Protein backbone atom coordinates (compact mmCIF):
# COMPACT_ATOMS: atom_id res chain seq x y z
CA MET A 1 0.00 0.00 0.00
CA ALA A 2 1.39 3.39 -0.97
CA ASN A 3 1.57 6.29 1.44
CA ARG A 4 0.59 9.92 1.21
CA VAL A 5 1.25 12.90 3.46
CA ALA A 6 -1.29 15.06 5.25
CA VAL A 7 0.23 18.03 7.03
CA ILE A 8 -0.84 18.83 10.58
CA GLY A 9 -0.48 22.60 10.83
CA GLN A 10 1.23 24.61 13.54
CA LYS A 11 -2.16 25.27 15.06
CA LYS A 12 -3.38 21.82 16.07
CA ARG A 13 -7.04 20.82 16.19
CA ILE A 14 -7.19 18.97 19.51
CA ALA A 15 -10.08 16.85 20.80
CA LEU A 16 -10.30 16.55 24.60
CA ILE A 17 -12.40 13.75 26.10
CA ALA A 18 -12.62 12.28 29.61
CA HIS A 19 -14.73 9.62 31.22
CA ASP A 20 -16.53 10.69 34.39
CA ARG A 21 -13.90 9.43 36.84
CA GLN A 22 -11.16 11.07 34.73
CA LYS A 23 -12.70 14.54 34.31
CA GLN A 24 -10.89 16.01 37.33
CA ASN A 25 -7.61 14.57 36.11
CA LEU A 26 -8.13 16.11 32.66
CA LEU A 27 -9.18 19.43 34.21
CA GLU A 28 -5.95 19.58 36.26
CA TRP A 29 -3.92 18.72 33.15
CA VAL A 30 -5.69 21.43 31.14
CA LYS A 31 -5.07 24.03 33.88
CA PHE A 32 -1.37 23.17 33.86
CA ASN A 33 -1.18 23.37 30.04
CA LYS A 34 -3.60 26.27 29.54
CA GLY A 35 -1.05 28.53 27.84
CA THR A 36 -0.14 25.90 25.27
CA LEU A 37 -3.69 24.68 24.67
CA LEU A 38 -5.04 28.16 23.99
CA LYS A 39 -2.71 28.39 20.97
CA HIS A 40 -4.70 25.61 19.33
CA GLU A 41 -8.29 24.84 18.27
CA LEU A 42 -10.07 22.80 20.91
CA TYR A 43 -12.94 20.33 20.65
CA ALA A 44 -14.60 18.27 23.36
CA THR A 45 -17.55 16.06 24.12
CA GLY A 46 -20.51 17.13 26.27
CA THR A 47 -19.89 17.76 29.94
CA THR A 48 -16.11 17.70 29.51
CA GLY A 49 -16.36 20.55 27.02
CA LYS A 50 -18.51 22.70 29.29
CA ILE A 51 -16.12 22.19 32.22
CA LEU A 52 -13.06 22.98 30.10
CA GLU A 53 -14.64 25.99 28.40
CA LYS A 54 -15.33 27.52 31.81
CA GLU A 55 -11.79 26.77 33.05
CA LEU A 56 -10.07 28.11 29.94
CA GLY A 57 -12.33 31.12 29.53
CA SER A 58 -12.30 30.37 25.82
CA LYS A 59 -14.73 28.94 23.28
CA ILE A 60 -14.45 25.22 22.59
CA THR A 61 -16.40 23.34 19.93
CA ILE A 62 -18.60 21.02 21.99
CA PHE A 63 -20.18 17.85 20.64
CA GLU A 64 -22.72 15.52 22.28
CA SER A 65 -21.66 13.60 25.37
CA GLY A 66 -19.88 10.32 24.61
CA PRO A 67 -22.82 7.97 25.28
CA LEU A 68 -25.07 10.16 23.11
CA GLY A 69 -22.75 9.99 20.10
CA GLY A 70 -20.02 12.50 20.91
CA ASP A 71 -17.24 9.93 20.52
CA GLN A 72 -18.63 9.09 17.08
CA GLN A 73 -18.82 12.77 16.14
CA ILE A 74 -15.15 13.21 17.06
CA GLY A 75 -14.26 10.04 15.12
CA SER A 76 -16.08 11.38 12.08
CA ARG A 77 -14.12 14.65 12.25
CA ILE A 78 -10.87 12.68 12.49
CA ALA A 79 -11.79 10.69 9.35
CA GLU A 80 -12.67 13.95 7.57
CA GLY A 81 -9.28 15.42 8.49
CA CYS A 82 -10.82 18.09 10.73
CA ILE A 83 -9.27 16.91 14.03
CA ASP A 84 -5.62 15.97 14.17
CA PHE A 85 -4.87 15.25 17.84
CA LEU A 86 -6.75 13.26 20.49
CA ILE A 87 -6.42 13.55 24.25
CA PHE A 88 -8.75 10.94 25.74
CA PHE A 89 -8.47 10.25 29.46
CA TRP A 90 -10.51 7.06 29.58
CA ASP A 91 -11.24 4.98 32.61
CA PRO A 92 -9.79 1.48 32.16
CA LEU A 93 -11.39 0.16 35.36
CA ALA A 94 -15.03 1.13 34.83
CA PRO A 95 -17.22 -0.47 32.19
CA GLN A 96 -18.78 2.15 29.96
CA PRO A 97 -22.19 1.77 28.30
CA HIS A 98 -20.61 3.02 25.10
CA ASP A 99 -17.44 0.86 25.14
CA PRO A 100 -17.88 -0.08 21.44
CA ASP A 101 -17.90 3.64 20.57
CA VAL A 102 -14.71 4.20 22.59
CA LYS A 103 -12.98 1.34 20.80
CA ALA A 104 -14.20 2.67 17.43
CA LEU A 105 -12.85 6.15 18.24
CA LEU A 106 -9.43 4.82 19.20
CA ARG A 107 -9.38 2.61 16.09
CA ILE A 108 -10.22 5.51 13.76
CA ALA A 109 -7.48 7.64 15.38
CA VAL A 110 -4.98 4.87 14.60
CA VAL A 111 -6.33 4.37 11.06
CA TRP A 112 -5.76 8.08 10.33
CA ASN A 113 -2.42 8.16 12.22
CA ILE A 114 -3.11 11.02 14.59
CA PRO A 115 -1.35 11.47 17.94
CA ILE A 116 -3.31 9.93 20.82
CA ALA A 117 -2.82 10.32 24.57
CA CYS A 118 -4.92 8.11 26.84
CA ASN A 119 -3.47 9.18 30.18
CA ARG A 120 -1.71 12.10 31.82
CA ALA A 121 1.83 10.82 31.22
CA SER A 122 1.33 10.33 27.48
CA ALA A 123 -0.47 13.69 27.27
CA ASP A 124 2.47 15.37 29.02
CA PHE A 125 4.93 13.87 26.58
CA LEU A 126 2.86 14.85 23.53
CA ILE A 127 2.07 18.41 24.60
CA SER A 128 5.71 19.11 25.50
CA SER A 129 7.03 17.79 22.19
CA PRO A 130 8.77 20.37 19.97
CA LEU A 131 6.44 19.12 17.21
CA MET A 132 3.55 20.96 18.92
CA ALA A 133 4.89 24.29 17.65
CA GLU A 134 5.53 23.29 14.04
CA GLU A 135 3.94 21.64 11.06
CA TYR A 136 4.09 17.87 11.01
CA PRO A 137 3.97 15.73 7.85
CA ARG A 138 1.63 12.94 8.96
CA ILE A 139 2.14 9.84 6.84
CA LEU A 140 -1.08 8.10 5.85
CA PRO A 141 -1.68 4.90 3.97
CA ASP A 142 -3.27 5.61 0.63
CA TYR A 143 -6.64 3.95 1.05
CA ASP A 144 -7.67 4.38 -2.61
CA GLY A 145 -6.92 0.72 -3.41
CA TYR A 146 -9.07 -0.37 -0.49
CA ARG A 147 -11.89 1.94 -1.58
CA GLN A 148 -11.71 0.64 -5.16
CA ARG A 149 -11.94 -2.97 -3.98
CA LEU A 150 -15.06 -2.11 -2.01
CA SER A 151 -16.72 -0.26 -4.89
CA SER A 152 -16.05 -3.11 -7.35
CA LYS A 153 -17.93 -5.66 -5.22
């Protein structure tokens, strides 16, 4: 399969999501990284978005809550090339009613090769990377062959 390049701009489009028991953890992380985050475009699901918007004092694009389709909305924007970074503090110890949606979101982020942080340590490493302040040539598989196989069936 051939590859192509999609450039992630200097101003990143970052989705921020947290399960209920991780919201406080994400809020603390956002407070600590407020200066950096405000240089980028921010997106979030439901309650998380409202909490973060208040903390940051800045407008965030807010989707539905995760169980109501917010995870799927974020996944759709990733597939469309409209979100290029995912910070998702998920709770590995609590079953979620929308676990299939969570798995689908993480899968789509990997399919489209965007940076993903699922906990505070990985988020710290990503946000402090020198790549946050510059363009990044994201290498993507060229899915045209796959699409053609599907359309010929």
